[in-house]
């Protein structure tokens, strides 16, 4: 009986070691993976990498990444949170037309329909932002559309929530950024000769 018990304990320990090693050796989920539509979106949403600027700063820290919900009303995070102190300029990531600039549930929101991205167009959203633009204005990549508000953020630190959607389907806004902008490393000087 004691040998049977020892065999079961050893088998459980071996299984625990295998499961732990598998979890530790598996690659982490990519933070900057291309966006995917909601589980029930049809057809799949494709996102062209047309972004030419980050919404804040030159390479902001991502406080929380995009977590697609399994269903329309399911839990998830329908955008990314970018670290930015209050008063930081918020910039349009791509060319478009301001679809909304105002307050929603006490938070400043700016939405921009992106030019030449289909019908319905891709729409970026930024919050909490004090708008510097009005509905209907055309904006260029990198143009200031507002300033980060001191309050109204759902982050523990001041941040900008940046979202992207086509129609009712949410996608990862980081997929708008081309690899050279998304993964830019430190600058390197090249030799003259």
N, C-alpha and C. Protein backbone atom coordinates (compact mmCIF):
# COMPACT_ATOMS: atom_id res chain seq x y z
N UNK A 1 0.82 -1.18 0.00
CA UNK A 1 0.00 0.00 0.00
C UNK A 1 0.87 1.25 0.00
N UNK A 2 1.93 1.22 0.78
CA UNK A 2 2.84 2.36 0.85
C UNK A 2 3.52 2.58 -0.51
N UNK A 3 3.87 1.52 -1.19
CA UNK A 3 4.50 1.62 -2.52
C UNK A 3 3.53 2.22 -3.53
N UNK A 4 2.25 1.84 -3.43
CA UNK A 4 1.21 2.42 -4.31
C UNK A 4 1.09 3.92 -4.10
N UNK A 5 1.08 4.33 -2.84
CA UNK A 5 0.95 5.75 -2.52
C UNK A 5 2.17 6.52 -3.01
N UNK A 6 3.34 5.98 -2.83
CA UNK A 6 4.57 6.61 -3.30
C UNK A 6 4.56 6.75 -4.83
N UNK A 7 4.06 5.75 -5.53
CA UNK A 7 3.99 5.80 -6.99
C UNK A 7 3.04 6.91 -7.45
N UNK A 8 1.89 7.06 -6.75
CA UNK A 8 0.94 8.12 -7.11
C UNK A 8 1.54 9.50 -6.86
N UNK A 9 2.22 9.69 -5.73
CA UNK A 9 2.84 10.97 -5.42
C UNK A 9 3.92 11.29 -6.46
N UNK A 10 4.72 10.29 -6.81
CA UNK A 10 5.78 10.51 -7.81
C UNK A 10 5.17 10.85 -9.17
N UNK A 11 4.10 10.20 -9.54
CA UNK A 11 3.45 10.47 -10.82
C UNK A 11 2.90 11.90 -10.84
N UNK A 12 2.33 12.32 -9.72
CA UNK A 12 1.81 13.70 -9.64
C UNK A 12 2.93 14.72 -9.71
N UNK A 13 4.04 14.45 -9.05
CA UNK A 13 5.18 15.36 -9.09
C UNK A 13 5.75 15.46 -10.51
N UNK A 14 5.83 14.34 -11.19
CA UNK A 14 6.34 14.35 -12.57
C UNK A 14 5.39 15.14 -13.46
N UNK A 15 4.10 14.94 -13.30
CA UNK A 15 3.11 15.69 -14.09
C UNK A 15 3.21 17.19 -13.79
N UNK A 16 3.37 17.55 -12.54
CA UNK A 16 3.52 18.96 -12.16
C UNK A 16 4.77 19.56 -12.78
N UNK A 17 5.87 18.83 -12.78
CA UNK A 17 7.11 19.32 -13.39
C UNK A 17 6.92 19.52 -14.90
N UNK A 18 6.24 18.59 -15.56
CA UNK A 18 6.01 18.70 -17.00
C UNK A 18 5.13 19.90 -17.32
N UNK A 19 4.04 20.09 -16.59
CA UNK A 19 3.13 21.21 -16.83
C UNK A 19 3.85 22.54 -16.56
N UNK A 20 4.62 22.61 -15.47
CA UNK A 20 5.35 23.83 -15.15
C UNK A 20 6.39 24.15 -16.21
N UNK A 21 7.14 23.15 -16.64
CA UNK A 21 8.15 23.37 -17.68
C UNK A 21 7.52 23.81 -18.99
N UNK A 22 6.38 23.22 -19.35
CA UNK A 22 5.68 23.62 -20.58
C UNK A 22 5.24 25.07 -20.50
N UNK A 23 4.69 25.47 -19.36
CA UNK A 23 4.24 26.85 -19.19
C UNK A 23 5.41 27.83 -19.22
N UNK A 24 6.52 27.47 -18.60
CA UNK A 24 7.67 28.36 -18.56
C UNK A 24 8.38 28.46 -19.90
N UNK A 25 8.37 27.39 -20.68
CA UNK A 25 9.08 27.38 -21.96
C UNK A 25 8.23 27.89 -23.12
N UNK A 26 6.93 28.00 -22.92
CA UNK A 26 6.06 28.51 -23.99
C UNK A 26 6.34 29.98 -24.21
N UNK A 27 6.32 30.42 -25.47
CA UNK A 27 6.56 31.85 -25.72
C UNK A 27 5.42 32.69 -25.15
N UNK A 28 5.74 33.88 -24.65
CA UNK A 28 4.68 34.74 -24.11
C UNK A 28 3.80 35.24 -25.25
N UNK A 29 2.55 35.58 -24.95
CA UNK A 29 1.70 36.13 -26.00
C UNK A 29 2.27 37.47 -26.45
N UNK A 30 2.31 37.73 -27.76
CA UNK A 30 2.90 38.97 -28.23
C UNK A 30 2.06 40.18 -27.84
N UNK A 31 2.72 41.21 -27.29
CA UNK A 31 2.03 42.42 -26.89
C UNK A 31 1.60 43.23 -28.10
N UNK A 32 2.38 43.14 -29.17
CA UNK A 32 2.12 43.96 -30.34
C UNK A 32 1.60 43.14 -31.51
N UNK A 33 0.85 42.09 -31.24
CA UNK A 33 0.33 41.26 -32.32
C UNK A 33 -0.69 42.04 -33.14
N UNK A 34 -0.81 41.67 -34.39
CA UNK A 34 -1.78 42.32 -35.26
C UNK A 34 -3.18 42.06 -34.74
N UNK A 35 -4.06 42.99 -34.99
CA UNK A 35 -5.42 42.89 -34.47
C UNK A 35 -6.24 41.82 -35.14
N UNK A 36 -7.19 41.33 -34.43
CA UNK A 36 -8.15 40.36 -34.95
C UNK A 36 -9.53 40.86 -34.58
N UNK A 37 -10.52 40.51 -35.36
CA UNK A 37 -11.86 40.99 -35.06
C UNK A 37 -12.47 40.25 -33.89
N UNK A 38 -13.62 40.72 -33.45
CA UNK A 38 -14.39 39.97 -32.47
C UNK A 38 -14.69 38.60 -33.04
N UNK A 39 -14.95 37.66 -32.17
CA UNK A 39 -15.19 36.29 -32.60
C UNK A 39 -16.34 36.19 -33.60
N UNK A 40 -17.33 37.07 -33.49
CA UNK A 40 -18.48 36.96 -34.38
C UNK A 40 -18.44 37.95 -35.55
N UNK A 41 -17.29 38.64 -35.75
CA UNK A 41 -17.20 39.59 -36.86
C UNK A 41 -17.06 38.83 -38.18
N UNK A 42 -17.81 39.22 -39.17
CA UNK A 42 -17.75 38.56 -40.47
C UNK A 42 -18.02 39.61 -41.54
N UNK A 43 -17.16 39.82 -42.50
CA UNK A 43 -15.88 39.15 -42.69
C UNK A 43 -14.83 39.68 -41.72
N UNK A 44 -13.68 38.99 -41.66
CA UNK A 44 -12.62 39.46 -40.75
C UNK A 44 -12.18 40.88 -41.10
N UNK A 45 -11.83 41.65 -40.07
CA UNK A 45 -11.40 43.02 -40.25
C UNK A 45 -9.91 43.02 -40.58
N UNK A 46 -9.54 43.65 -41.69
CA UNK A 46 -8.12 43.80 -42.02
C UNK A 46 -7.73 45.24 -41.74
N UNK A 47 -6.53 45.41 -41.25
CA UNK A 47 -6.06 46.74 -40.86
C UNK A 47 -4.77 47.06 -41.61
N UNK A 48 -4.80 48.09 -42.46
CA UNK A 48 -3.56 48.49 -43.13
C UNK A 48 -2.66 49.25 -42.15
N UNK A 49 -1.37 49.03 -42.24
CA UNK A 49 -0.41 49.70 -41.35
C UNK A 49 -0.14 51.11 -41.87
N UNK A 50 -1.15 52.00 -41.71
CA UNK A 50 -1.07 53.36 -42.26
C UNK A 50 -0.68 54.41 -41.23
N UNK A 51 -0.49 54.00 -39.99
CA UNK A 51 -0.13 54.94 -38.94
C UNK A 51 1.23 55.56 -39.20
N UNK A 52 1.38 56.82 -38.90
CA UNK A 52 2.65 57.52 -39.10
C UNK A 52 3.14 58.18 -37.82
N UNK A 53 2.40 58.02 -36.73
CA UNK A 53 2.79 58.62 -35.46
C UNK A 53 2.10 57.87 -34.32
N UNK A 54 2.76 57.80 -33.18
CA UNK A 54 2.11 57.30 -31.97
C UNK A 54 1.14 58.38 -31.48
N UNK A 55 0.07 58.01 -30.79
CA UNK A 55 -0.85 59.03 -30.27
C UNK A 55 -0.19 59.96 -29.25
N UNK A 56 0.74 59.43 -28.45
CA UNK A 56 1.45 60.25 -27.46
C UNK A 56 2.93 59.87 -27.48
N UNK A 57 3.78 60.87 -27.41
CA UNK A 57 5.22 60.62 -27.37
C UNK A 57 5.76 59.97 -28.63
N UNK A 58 7.01 59.51 -28.54
CA UNK A 58 7.62 58.85 -29.70
C UNK A 58 7.63 57.34 -29.55
N UNK A 59 7.54 56.82 -28.37
CA UNK A 59 7.46 55.38 -28.12
C UNK A 59 6.94 55.19 -26.70
N UNK A 60 5.63 55.45 -26.47
CA UNK A 60 5.09 55.39 -25.11
C UNK A 60 5.07 53.97 -24.55
N UNK A 61 5.07 53.90 -23.25
CA UNK A 61 4.96 52.60 -22.57
C UNK A 61 3.50 52.14 -22.64
N UNK A 62 3.32 50.89 -23.04
CA UNK A 62 1.98 50.31 -23.08
C UNK A 62 1.66 49.77 -21.68
N UNK A 63 0.69 50.39 -21.02
CA UNK A 63 0.32 49.97 -19.67
C UNK A 63 -0.57 48.74 -19.69
N UNK A 64 -1.42 48.65 -20.69
CA UNK A 64 -2.30 47.48 -20.85
C UNK A 64 -2.55 47.29 -22.34
N UNK A 65 -2.34 46.08 -22.79
CA UNK A 65 -2.51 45.77 -24.20
C UNK A 65 -3.95 45.44 -24.57
N UNK A 66 -4.13 45.16 -25.82
CA UNK A 66 -5.43 44.83 -26.38
C UNK A 66 -5.79 43.40 -26.02
N UNK A 67 -6.98 43.19 -25.46
CA UNK A 67 -7.47 41.87 -25.08
C UNK A 67 -8.84 41.69 -25.72
N UNK A 68 -8.89 41.05 -26.89
CA UNK A 68 -10.17 40.96 -27.60
C UNK A 68 -11.19 40.15 -26.82
N UNK A 69 -12.41 40.62 -26.77
CA UNK A 69 -13.47 39.86 -26.11
C UNK A 69 -13.90 38.69 -27.01
N UNK A 70 -14.34 37.61 -26.40
CA UNK A 70 -14.79 36.44 -27.16
C UNK A 70 -16.14 36.69 -27.83
N UNK A 71 -16.93 37.57 -27.24
CA UNK A 71 -18.25 37.89 -27.79
C UNK A 71 -18.44 39.40 -27.73
N UNK A 72 -19.46 39.90 -28.37
CA UNK A 72 -19.71 41.33 -28.43
C UNK A 72 -19.76 41.96 -27.04
N UNK A 73 -20.41 41.32 -26.09
CA UNK A 73 -20.57 41.88 -24.75
C UNK A 73 -19.64 41.23 -23.72
N UNK A 74 -18.71 40.42 -24.19
CA UNK A 74 -17.81 39.71 -23.29
C UNK A 74 -16.75 40.62 -22.69
N UNK A 75 -16.08 40.13 -21.63
CA UNK A 75 -15.02 40.92 -21.02
C UNK A 75 -13.81 40.99 -21.94
N UNK A 76 -13.04 42.03 -21.79
CA UNK A 76 -11.83 42.23 -22.58
C UNK A 76 -11.38 43.67 -22.45
N UNK A 77 -10.40 44.02 -23.23
CA UNK A 77 -9.91 45.40 -23.26
C UNK A 77 -9.87 45.82 -24.72
N UNK A 78 -10.78 46.68 -25.10
CA UNK A 78 -11.02 47.03 -26.51
C UNK A 78 -10.14 48.19 -26.97
N UNK A 79 -8.87 48.13 -26.66
CA UNK A 79 -7.92 49.15 -27.04
C UNK A 79 -6.62 48.92 -26.31
N UNK A 80 -5.74 49.91 -26.32
CA UNK A 80 -4.51 49.85 -25.54
C UNK A 80 -4.40 51.11 -24.70
N UNK A 81 -3.78 50.98 -23.55
CA UNK A 81 -3.56 52.12 -22.67
C UNK A 81 -2.09 52.53 -22.76
N UNK A 82 -1.86 53.79 -23.12
CA UNK A 82 -0.52 54.32 -23.29
C UNK A 82 -0.22 55.32 -22.17
N UNK A 83 0.92 55.13 -21.49
CA UNK A 83 1.31 56.03 -20.41
C UNK A 83 1.53 57.43 -20.98
N UNK A 84 0.94 58.43 -20.33
CA UNK A 84 1.10 59.82 -20.74
C UNK A 84 0.66 60.73 -19.61
N UNK A 85 1.52 61.66 -19.19
CA UNK A 85 1.10 62.58 -18.13
C UNK A 85 0.03 63.56 -18.61
N UNK A 86 -0.71 64.09 -17.68
CA UNK A 86 -1.74 65.09 -18.01
C UNK A 86 -1.09 66.25 -18.76
N UNK A 87 -1.78 66.74 -19.78
CA UNK A 87 -1.27 67.86 -20.56
C UNK A 87 -0.45 67.44 -21.77
N UNK A 88 -0.16 66.14 -21.90
CA UNK A 88 0.60 65.66 -23.06
C UNK A 88 -0.23 65.83 -24.32
N UNK A 89 0.37 66.34 -25.41
CA UNK A 89 -0.37 66.44 -26.66
C UNK A 89 -0.74 65.05 -27.19
N UNK A 90 -1.96 64.93 -27.68
CA UNK A 90 -2.44 63.69 -28.29
C UNK A 90 -2.50 63.95 -29.79
N UNK A 91 -1.92 63.04 -30.58
CA UNK A 91 -1.80 63.25 -32.02
C UNK A 91 -2.60 62.21 -32.80
N UNK A 92 -3.06 62.61 -33.97
CA UNK A 92 -3.73 61.67 -34.88
C UNK A 92 -2.66 60.71 -35.41
N UNK A 93 -2.96 59.42 -35.44
CA UNK A 93 -1.97 58.45 -35.92
C UNK A 93 -1.94 58.38 -37.44
N UNK A 94 -3.04 58.77 -38.09
CA UNK A 94 -3.13 58.70 -39.55
C UNK A 94 -4.08 59.79 -40.03
N UNK A 95 -4.09 60.01 -41.34
CA UNK A 95 -4.96 61.03 -41.94
C UNK A 95 -6.42 60.61 -41.79
N UNK A 96 -7.27 61.61 -41.51
CA UNK A 96 -8.69 61.30 -41.39
C UNK A 96 -9.53 62.54 -41.13
N UNK A 97 -10.78 62.29 -40.79
CA UNK A 97 -11.75 63.35 -40.48
C UNK A 97 -12.30 63.09 -39.08
N UNK A 98 -12.36 64.15 -38.28
CA UNK A 98 -12.87 64.03 -36.91
C UNK A 98 -14.36 63.69 -36.97
N UNK A 99 -14.71 62.54 -36.40
CA UNK A 99 -16.11 62.08 -36.37
C UNK A 99 -16.81 62.54 -35.10
N UNK A 100 -16.03 62.74 -34.02
CA UNK A 100 -16.62 63.17 -32.75
C UNK A 100 -15.53 63.84 -31.93
N UNK A 101 -15.88 64.91 -31.26
CA UNK A 101 -14.99 65.59 -30.32
C UNK A 101 -15.87 66.17 -29.23
N UNK A 102 -15.88 65.55 -28.07
CA UNK A 102 -16.73 66.01 -26.99
C UNK A 102 -16.61 65.13 -25.77
N UNK A 103 -17.64 65.14 -24.93
CA UNK A 103 -17.61 64.39 -23.68
C UNK A 103 -18.60 63.24 -23.74
N UNK A 104 -18.16 62.11 -23.22
CA UNK A 104 -19.00 60.92 -23.11
C UNK A 104 -18.81 60.40 -21.69
N UNK A 105 -19.88 60.33 -20.95
CA UNK A 105 -19.84 59.86 -19.56
C UNK A 105 -18.78 60.60 -18.75
N UNK A 106 -18.67 61.90 -18.96
CA UNK A 106 -17.74 62.72 -18.19
C UNK A 106 -16.31 62.71 -18.69
N UNK A 107 -16.02 61.97 -19.73
CA UNK A 107 -14.66 61.89 -20.26
C UNK A 107 -14.59 62.58 -21.62
N UNK A 108 -13.47 63.26 -21.86
CA UNK A 108 -13.24 63.84 -23.18
C UNK A 108 -12.85 62.76 -24.16
N UNK A 109 -13.50 62.75 -25.32
CA UNK A 109 -13.24 61.72 -26.34
C UNK A 109 -13.08 62.41 -27.70
N UNK A 110 -12.10 61.92 -28.47
CA UNK A 110 -11.96 62.34 -29.86
C UNK A 110 -11.94 61.07 -30.69
N UNK A 111 -12.76 61.04 -31.75
CA UNK A 111 -12.81 59.92 -32.69
C UNK A 111 -12.49 60.44 -34.08
N UNK A 112 -11.67 59.68 -34.81
CA UNK A 112 -11.26 60.07 -36.16
C UNK A 112 -11.52 58.92 -37.12
N UNK A 113 -12.31 59.19 -38.18
CA UNK A 113 -12.51 58.22 -39.26
C UNK A 113 -11.31 58.32 -40.19
N UNK A 114 -10.61 57.21 -40.39
CA UNK A 114 -9.38 57.23 -41.18
C UNK A 114 -9.67 57.20 -42.67
N UNK A 115 -8.96 58.03 -43.41
CA UNK A 115 -9.13 58.19 -44.84
C UNK A 115 -8.76 56.92 -45.60
N UNK A 116 -9.55 56.59 -46.61
CA UNK A 116 -9.29 55.48 -47.55
C UNK A 116 -9.07 54.15 -46.85
N UNK A 117 -9.93 53.85 -45.87
CA UNK A 117 -9.81 52.56 -45.16
C UNK A 117 -11.06 51.70 -45.33
N UNK A 118 -11.88 52.00 -46.34
CA UNK A 118 -13.04 51.16 -46.62
C UNK A 118 -14.33 51.75 -46.11
N UNK A 119 -15.40 50.93 -46.24
CA UNK A 119 -16.73 51.36 -45.84
C UNK A 119 -17.35 50.28 -44.97
N UNK A 120 -17.62 50.51 -43.72
CA UNK A 120 -17.35 51.74 -42.99
C UNK A 120 -15.85 51.91 -42.77
N UNK A 121 -15.40 53.16 -42.60
CA UNK A 121 -13.97 53.39 -42.40
C UNK A 121 -13.51 52.91 -41.03
N UNK A 122 -12.21 52.68 -40.92
CA UNK A 122 -11.64 52.43 -39.60
C UNK A 122 -11.76 53.71 -38.79
N UNK A 123 -12.05 53.57 -37.50
CA UNK A 123 -12.21 54.74 -36.61
C UNK A 123 -11.32 54.56 -35.39
N UNK A 124 -10.46 55.55 -35.16
CA UNK A 124 -9.65 55.55 -33.95
C UNK A 124 -10.34 56.41 -32.90
N UNK A 125 -10.16 56.04 -31.63
CA UNK A 125 -10.70 56.83 -30.53
C UNK A 125 -9.61 57.06 -29.49
N UNK A 126 -9.69 58.20 -28.85
CA UNK A 126 -8.69 58.59 -27.85
C UNK A 126 -9.45 59.17 -26.65
N UNK A 127 -9.11 58.70 -25.43
CA UNK A 127 -9.74 59.24 -24.23
C UNK A 127 -8.87 58.99 -23.02
N UNK A 128 -8.93 59.78 -21.97
CA UNK A 128 -9.61 61.06 -21.81
C UNK A 128 -8.76 62.18 -22.41
N UNK A 129 -9.37 62.93 -23.30
CA UNK A 129 -8.67 63.95 -24.06
C UNK A 129 -9.52 65.22 -24.12
N UNK A 130 -8.90 66.37 -23.85
CA UNK A 130 -9.55 67.65 -24.09
C UNK A 130 -9.32 67.97 -25.55
N UNK A 131 -10.38 68.00 -26.34
CA UNK A 131 -10.27 68.16 -27.79
C UNK A 131 -9.70 69.51 -28.19
N UNK A 132 -8.83 69.48 -29.22
CA UNK A 132 -8.31 70.69 -29.84
C UNK A 132 -8.83 70.79 -31.27
N UNK A 133 -9.75 69.89 -31.61
CA UNK A 133 -10.34 69.85 -32.96
C UNK A 133 -11.85 69.79 -32.82
N UNK A 134 -12.53 69.99 -33.94
CA UNK A 134 -13.99 69.92 -33.94
C UNK A 134 -14.45 68.89 -34.96
N UNK A 135 -15.66 68.39 -34.76
CA UNK A 135 -16.24 67.43 -35.67
C UNK A 135 -16.19 67.97 -37.11
N UNK A 136 -15.77 67.11 -38.04
CA UNK A 136 -15.70 67.48 -39.45
C UNK A 136 -14.34 67.95 -39.92
N UNK A 137 -13.44 68.31 -38.98
CA UNK A 137 -12.11 68.78 -39.37
C UNK A 137 -11.28 67.63 -39.95
N UNK A 138 -10.49 67.96 -40.97
CA UNK A 138 -9.52 67.02 -41.52
C UNK A 138 -8.25 67.10 -40.68
N UNK A 139 -7.65 65.95 -40.37
CA UNK A 139 -6.40 65.92 -39.60
C UNK A 139 -5.37 65.09 -40.35
N UNK A 140 -4.11 65.47 -40.17
CA UNK A 140 -2.98 64.75 -40.76
C UNK A 140 -2.28 63.94 -39.70
N UNK A 141 -1.50 62.93 -40.11
CA UNK A 141 -0.75 62.15 -39.13
C UNK A 141 0.17 63.06 -38.32
N UNK A 142 0.17 62.87 -37.01
CA UNK A 142 1.01 63.66 -36.13
C UNK A 142 0.41 64.98 -35.70
N UNK A 143 -0.73 65.36 -36.26
CA UNK A 143 -1.38 66.63 -35.89
C UNK A 143 -2.00 66.50 -34.50
N UNK A 144 -1.81 67.53 -33.68
CA UNK A 144 -2.36 67.53 -32.33
C UNK A 144 -3.88 67.64 -32.41
N UNK A 145 -4.56 66.68 -31.78
CA UNK A 145 -6.03 66.68 -31.76
C UNK A 145 -6.58 66.97 -30.37
N UNK A 146 -5.69 67.01 -29.37
CA UNK A 146 -6.13 67.29 -28.00
C UNK A 146 -4.99 67.13 -27.02
N UNK A 147 -5.35 67.21 -25.74
CA UNK A 147 -4.39 67.07 -24.64
C UNK A 147 -4.93 66.05 -23.64
N UNK A 148 -4.03 65.26 -23.06
CA UNK A 148 -4.43 64.27 -22.06
C UNK A 148 -5.02 64.99 -20.85
N UNK A 149 -6.20 64.55 -20.42
CA UNK A 149 -6.86 65.12 -19.25
C UNK A 149 -6.28 64.51 -17.98
N UNK A 150 -6.31 65.28 -16.90
CA UNK A 150 -5.77 64.83 -15.61
C UNK A 150 -6.64 63.76 -14.96
N UNK A 151 -7.93 63.75 -15.28
CA UNK A 151 -8.82 62.76 -14.67
C UNK A 151 -9.68 62.12 -15.74
N UNK A 152 -10.35 61.04 -15.37
CA UNK A 152 -11.24 60.35 -16.30
C UNK A 152 -10.63 59.09 -16.89
N UNK A 153 -9.38 58.81 -16.56
CA UNK A 153 -8.72 57.62 -17.08
C UNK A 153 -9.10 56.41 -16.25
N UNK A 154 -9.14 55.25 -16.88
CA UNK A 154 -9.40 54.03 -16.13
C UNK A 154 -8.11 53.34 -15.70
N UNK A 155 -6.97 53.96 -15.99
CA UNK A 155 -5.66 53.43 -15.59
C UNK A 155 -5.32 53.85 -14.17
N UNK A 156 -4.39 53.14 -13.55
CA UNK A 156 -3.94 53.53 -12.21
C UNK A 156 -3.05 54.77 -12.30
N UNK A 157 -2.33 54.93 -13.41
CA UNK A 157 -1.54 56.14 -13.69
C UNK A 157 -2.25 56.87 -14.84
N UNK A 158 -1.91 58.13 -15.06
CA UNK A 158 -2.54 58.87 -16.15
C UNK A 158 -2.16 58.20 -17.47
N UNK A 159 -3.15 58.00 -18.32
CA UNK A 159 -2.91 57.33 -19.60
C UNK A 159 -3.92 57.79 -20.63
N UNK A 160 -3.66 57.38 -21.87
CA UNK A 160 -4.61 57.58 -22.96
C UNK A 160 -5.07 56.20 -23.39
N UNK A 161 -6.38 56.01 -23.43
CA UNK A 161 -6.94 54.78 -23.99
C UNK A 161 -7.12 55.03 -25.48
N UNK A 162 -6.45 54.20 -26.30
CA UNK A 162 -6.48 54.33 -27.75
C UNK A 162 -7.20 53.12 -28.31
N UNK A 163 -8.30 53.36 -29.02
CA UNK A 163 -9.08 52.26 -29.57
C UNK A 163 -9.17 52.34 -31.08
N UNK A 164 -9.57 51.22 -31.69
CA UNK A 164 -9.76 51.14 -33.14
C UNK A 164 -10.91 50.19 -33.42
N UNK A 165 -11.78 50.60 -34.34
CA UNK A 165 -12.89 49.73 -34.72
C UNK A 165 -13.29 49.97 -36.17
N UNK A 166 -13.92 48.98 -36.74
CA UNK A 166 -14.58 49.12 -38.04
C UNK A 166 -16.02 48.67 -37.80
N UNK A 167 -16.95 49.61 -37.97
CA UNK A 167 -18.34 49.30 -37.66
C UNK A 167 -18.45 48.96 -36.19
N UNK A 168 -18.96 47.78 -35.88
CA UNK A 168 -19.10 47.34 -34.49
C UNK A 168 -17.95 46.47 -34.02
N UNK A 169 -17.03 46.11 -34.92
CA UNK A 169 -15.92 45.23 -34.55
C UNK A 169 -14.69 46.00 -34.09
N UNK A 170 -14.18 45.64 -32.93
CA UNK A 170 -12.97 46.25 -32.39
C UNK A 170 -11.75 45.48 -32.86
N UNK A 171 -10.68 46.19 -33.13
CA UNK A 171 -9.42 45.56 -33.51
C UNK A 171 -8.28 46.22 -32.74
N UNK A 172 -7.11 45.61 -32.79
CA UNK A 172 -5.96 46.11 -32.06
C UNK A 172 -5.43 47.38 -32.73
N UNK A 173 -5.44 48.52 -32.05
CA UNK A 173 -4.96 49.75 -32.68
C UNK A 173 -3.47 49.71 -33.01
N UNK A 174 -2.71 48.88 -32.30
CA UNK A 174 -1.28 48.79 -32.60
C UNK A 174 -1.04 48.23 -34.00
N UNK A 175 -2.04 47.54 -34.58
CA UNK A 175 -1.88 47.01 -35.92
C UNK A 175 -1.87 48.10 -36.98
N UNK A 176 -2.25 49.34 -36.61
CA UNK A 176 -2.15 50.48 -37.53
C UNK A 176 -0.70 50.92 -37.74
N UNK A 177 0.15 50.60 -36.78
CA UNK A 177 1.53 51.08 -36.84
C UNK A 177 2.41 50.12 -37.64
N UNK A 178 3.19 50.66 -38.59
CA UNK A 178 4.09 49.80 -39.35
C UNK A 178 5.24 49.32 -38.46
N UNK A 179 5.89 48.21 -38.84
CA UNK A 179 6.97 47.67 -38.00
C UNK A 179 8.07 48.69 -37.67
N UNK A 180 8.42 49.55 -38.62
CA UNK A 180 9.51 50.51 -38.36
C UNK A 180 9.15 51.47 -37.24
N UNK A 181 7.87 51.75 -37.04
CA UNK A 181 7.44 52.65 -35.99
C UNK A 181 7.15 51.88 -34.70
N UNK A 182 6.62 50.69 -34.86
CA UNK A 182 6.23 49.88 -33.71
C UNK A 182 7.43 49.34 -32.95
N UNK A 183 8.43 48.89 -33.67
CA UNK A 183 9.58 48.22 -33.04
C UNK A 183 10.86 49.02 -33.20
N UNK A 184 10.75 50.32 -33.35
CA UNK A 184 11.94 51.13 -33.56
C UNK A 184 12.87 51.00 -32.38
N UNK A 185 14.13 50.69 -32.68
CA UNK A 185 15.15 50.60 -31.65
C UNK A 185 15.89 51.92 -31.52
N UNK A 186 17.01 51.89 -30.84
CA UNK A 186 17.78 53.13 -30.68
C UNK A 186 18.38 53.58 -32.01
N UNK A 187 18.60 54.88 -32.15
CA UNK A 187 19.22 55.42 -33.35
C UNK A 187 20.66 54.96 -33.43
N UNK A 188 21.13 54.72 -34.66
CA UNK A 188 22.52 54.31 -34.88
C UNK A 188 23.13 55.22 -35.93
N UNK A 189 24.33 55.70 -35.65
CA UNK A 189 25.05 56.52 -36.61
C UNK A 189 25.78 55.60 -37.59
N UNK A 190 25.70 55.92 -38.86
CA UNK A 190 26.40 55.15 -39.89
C UNK A 190 27.67 55.85 -40.28
N UNK A 191 28.69 55.10 -40.71
CA UNK A 191 29.93 55.75 -41.12
C UNK A 191 29.72 56.57 -42.40
N UNK A 192 30.51 57.64 -42.55
CA UNK A 192 30.40 58.50 -43.73
C UNK A 192 30.97 57.84 -44.98
N UNK A 193 31.96 57.01 -44.82
CA UNK A 193 32.62 56.39 -45.99
C UNK A 193 32.18 54.99 -46.22
